[in-house]
């Protein structure tokens, strides 16, 4: 059972999309107790970093796996 409130993945998805100006295509956010995984495709490493920084601002103690592919 997840200890995260319902909608946390949706909140992260919304905030990352806004922070990156929707430049992460096919963005998927997975959330578990103490961790977040980002998946999708971006045109640059900078966009990938922006996505990760947004998660860090929201959840500073969570383990973040940034699996966004730079193409």
N, C-alpha and C. Protein backbone atom coordinates (compact mmCIF):
# COMPACT_ATOMS: atom_id res chain seq x y z
N UNK A 1 0.84 -1.18 0.00
CA UNK A 1 0.00 0.00 0.00
C UNK A 1 0.88 1.24 0.00
N UNK A 2 0.60 2.17 -0.88
CA UNK A 2 1.39 3.40 -0.99
C UNK A 2 1.08 4.34 0.15
N UNK A 3 2.12 5.01 0.64
CA UNK A 3 1.92 6.00 1.71
C UNK A 3 1.77 7.39 1.14
N UNK A 4 1.75 7.52 -0.18
CA UNK A 4 1.62 8.82 -0.83
C UNK A 4 0.15 9.16 -1.03
N UNK A 5 -0.19 10.43 -0.93
CA UNK A 5 -1.59 10.83 -1.13
C UNK A 5 -2.01 10.59 -2.57
N UNK A 6 -3.29 10.28 -2.78
CA UNK A 6 -3.78 10.09 -4.15
C UNK A 6 -3.54 11.35 -4.96
N UNK A 7 -3.15 11.19 -6.19
CA UNK A 7 -2.95 12.33 -7.05
C UNK A 7 -1.55 12.91 -7.03
N UNK A 8 -0.64 12.34 -6.23
CA UNK A 8 0.72 12.86 -6.19
C UNK A 8 1.39 12.72 -7.55
N UNK A 9 1.21 11.60 -8.21
CA UNK A 9 1.79 11.40 -9.54
C UNK A 9 1.22 12.43 -10.52
N UNK A 10 -0.08 12.71 -10.40
CA UNK A 10 -0.70 13.71 -11.27
C UNK A 10 -0.14 15.11 -11.01
N UNK A 11 0.07 15.44 -9.75
CA UNK A 11 0.65 16.73 -9.39
C UNK A 11 2.06 16.86 -9.97
N UNK A 12 2.87 15.83 -9.82
CA UNK A 12 4.23 15.85 -10.35
C UNK A 12 4.19 15.97 -11.87
N UNK A 13 3.32 15.21 -12.51
CA UNK A 13 3.17 15.27 -13.96
C UNK A 13 2.85 16.69 -14.42
N UNK A 14 1.91 17.32 -13.75
CA UNK A 14 1.51 18.68 -14.09
C UNK A 14 2.65 19.67 -13.89
N UNK A 15 3.34 19.57 -12.76
CA UNK A 15 4.43 20.51 -12.45
C UNK A 15 5.62 20.32 -13.39
N UNK A 16 5.96 19.07 -13.70
CA UNK A 16 7.07 18.82 -14.62
C UNK A 16 6.70 19.33 -16.02
N UNK A 17 5.48 19.09 -16.44
CA UNK A 17 5.04 19.57 -17.75
C UNK A 17 5.12 21.08 -17.85
N UNK A 18 4.69 21.75 -16.80
CA UNK A 18 4.76 23.21 -16.77
C UNK A 18 6.20 23.70 -16.78
N UNK A 19 7.03 23.11 -15.92
CA UNK A 19 8.44 23.54 -15.80
C UNK A 19 9.21 23.34 -17.10
N UNK A 20 8.88 22.30 -17.84
CA UNK A 20 9.60 22.01 -19.09
C UNK A 20 8.87 22.55 -20.31
N UNK A 21 7.83 23.32 -20.10
CA UNK A 21 7.00 23.85 -21.20
C UNK A 21 6.50 22.73 -22.10
N UNK A 22 6.15 21.62 -21.47
CA UNK A 22 5.61 20.43 -22.15
C UNK A 22 6.57 19.86 -23.19
N UNK A 23 7.86 19.98 -22.94
CA UNK A 23 8.86 19.49 -23.90
C UNK A 23 9.34 18.08 -23.59
N UNK A 24 8.72 17.41 -22.62
CA UNK A 24 8.99 15.98 -22.42
C UNK A 24 7.81 15.24 -23.03
N UNK A 25 8.08 14.53 -24.10
CA UNK A 25 7.02 13.79 -24.79
C UNK A 25 6.75 12.47 -24.08
N UNK A 26 5.51 12.05 -24.09
CA UNK A 26 5.10 10.77 -23.50
C UNK A 26 5.52 10.66 -22.04
N UNK A 27 5.40 11.75 -21.29
CA UNK A 27 5.82 11.78 -19.89
C UNK A 27 4.95 10.87 -19.03
N UNK A 28 5.62 10.01 -18.27
CA UNK A 28 4.95 9.12 -17.32
C UNK A 28 5.65 9.28 -15.98
N UNK A 29 4.86 9.40 -14.91
CA UNK A 29 5.41 9.54 -13.56
C UNK A 29 4.93 8.36 -12.74
N UNK A 30 5.87 7.64 -12.15
CA UNK A 30 5.54 6.54 -11.25
C UNK A 30 6.00 6.95 -9.85
N UNK A 31 5.15 6.72 -8.87
CA UNK A 31 5.45 7.13 -7.49
C UNK A 31 5.27 5.95 -6.56
N UNK A 32 6.20 5.80 -5.65
CA UNK A 32 6.12 4.78 -4.62
C UNK A 32 6.56 5.40 -3.31
N UNK A 33 6.57 4.63 -2.25
CA UNK A 33 6.99 5.18 -0.96
C UNK A 33 8.47 5.57 -0.98
N UNK A 34 8.71 6.86 -1.05
CA UNK A 34 10.08 7.37 -1.01
C UNK A 34 10.79 7.43 -2.34
N UNK A 35 10.09 7.18 -3.45
CA UNK A 35 10.74 7.22 -4.76
C UNK A 35 9.81 7.73 -5.85
N UNK A 36 10.43 8.27 -6.89
CA UNK A 36 9.71 8.76 -8.07
C UNK A 36 10.52 8.36 -9.30
N UNK A 37 9.84 7.86 -10.32
CA UNK A 37 10.49 7.55 -11.59
C UNK A 37 9.84 8.38 -12.68
N UNK A 38 10.69 9.03 -13.49
CA UNK A 38 10.23 9.80 -14.64
C UNK A 38 10.60 9.05 -15.90
N UNK A 39 9.64 8.93 -16.82
CA UNK A 39 9.89 8.29 -18.11
C UNK A 39 9.32 9.19 -19.21
N UNK A 40 9.96 9.18 -20.34
CA UNK A 40 9.50 9.96 -21.48
C UNK A 40 10.65 10.22 -22.42
N UNK A 41 10.47 11.19 -23.33
CA UNK A 41 11.50 11.53 -24.30
C UNK A 41 11.66 13.04 -24.34
N UNK A 42 12.91 13.49 -24.40
CA UNK A 42 13.20 14.92 -24.47
C UNK A 42 14.24 15.16 -25.56
N UNK A 43 14.25 16.37 -26.08
CA UNK A 43 15.18 16.71 -27.15
C UNK A 43 16.56 17.10 -26.63
N UNK A 44 16.66 17.40 -25.32
CA UNK A 44 17.96 17.82 -24.78
C UNK A 44 18.13 17.36 -23.33
N UNK A 45 19.39 17.29 -22.94
CA UNK A 45 19.71 16.95 -21.56
C UNK A 45 19.20 18.02 -20.60
N UNK A 46 19.20 19.28 -21.06
CA UNK A 46 18.70 20.38 -20.23
C UNK A 46 17.24 20.17 -19.83
N UNK A 47 16.42 19.74 -20.76
CA UNK A 47 15.00 19.48 -20.46
C UNK A 47 14.89 18.33 -19.47
N UNK A 48 15.70 17.31 -19.65
CA UNK A 48 15.72 16.18 -18.71
C UNK A 48 16.06 16.66 -17.30
N UNK A 49 17.06 17.54 -17.20
CA UNK A 49 17.45 18.09 -15.90
C UNK A 49 16.35 18.93 -15.28
N UNK A 50 15.67 19.75 -16.09
CA UNK A 50 14.57 20.57 -15.56
C UNK A 50 13.49 19.70 -14.93
N UNK A 51 13.18 18.60 -15.58
CA UNK A 51 12.17 17.68 -15.05
C UNK A 51 12.60 17.14 -13.69
N UNK A 52 13.84 16.73 -13.59
CA UNK A 52 14.35 16.17 -12.34
C UNK A 52 14.38 17.23 -11.24
N UNK A 53 14.78 18.44 -11.56
CA UNK A 53 14.83 19.51 -10.56
C UNK A 53 13.44 19.83 -10.01
N UNK A 54 12.44 19.75 -10.86
CA UNK A 54 11.07 20.01 -10.38
C UNK A 54 10.65 18.97 -9.36
N UNK A 55 10.97 17.71 -9.61
CA UNK A 55 10.65 16.66 -8.64
C UNK A 55 11.40 16.90 -7.34
N UNK A 56 12.66 17.28 -7.44
CA UNK A 56 13.47 17.54 -6.23
C UNK A 56 12.89 18.69 -5.41
N UNK A 57 12.33 19.71 -6.08
CA UNK A 57 11.72 20.82 -5.35
C UNK A 57 10.46 20.37 -4.62
N UNK A 58 9.69 19.50 -5.25
CA UNK A 58 8.45 19.01 -4.64
C UNK A 58 8.72 18.00 -3.52
N UNK A 59 9.66 17.09 -3.77
CA UNK A 59 9.94 15.99 -2.84
C UNK A 59 11.45 15.89 -2.61
N UNK A 60 12.00 16.76 -1.80
CA UNK A 60 13.46 16.83 -1.66
C UNK A 60 14.12 15.58 -1.09
N UNK A 61 13.38 14.75 -0.38
CA UNK A 61 14.00 13.56 0.21
C UNK A 61 13.74 12.28 -0.59
N UNK A 62 12.95 12.38 -1.65
CA UNK A 62 12.63 11.18 -2.45
C UNK A 62 13.80 10.80 -3.34
N UNK A 63 13.94 9.50 -3.57
CA UNK A 63 14.91 8.99 -4.54
C UNK A 63 14.28 9.16 -5.93
N UNK A 64 14.99 9.83 -6.81
CA UNK A 64 14.46 10.11 -8.14
C UNK A 64 15.24 9.34 -9.20
N UNK A 65 14.52 8.54 -9.95
CA UNK A 65 15.12 7.85 -11.11
C UNK A 65 14.64 8.58 -12.35
N UNK A 66 15.56 9.21 -13.03
CA UNK A 66 15.21 9.97 -14.23
C UNK A 66 15.51 9.09 -15.44
N UNK A 67 14.48 8.40 -15.93
CA UNK A 67 14.63 7.51 -17.07
C UNK A 67 14.16 8.17 -18.36
N UNK A 68 14.15 9.52 -18.39
CA UNK A 68 13.79 10.23 -19.61
C UNK A 68 14.91 10.04 -20.62
N UNK A 69 14.55 9.67 -21.82
CA UNK A 69 15.51 9.41 -22.90
C UNK A 69 15.73 10.69 -23.69
N UNK A 70 16.98 11.07 -23.88
CA UNK A 70 17.32 12.25 -24.69
C UNK A 70 17.54 11.77 -26.12
N UNK A 71 16.76 12.33 -27.03
CA UNK A 71 16.85 11.91 -28.45
C UNK A 71 17.31 13.06 -29.30
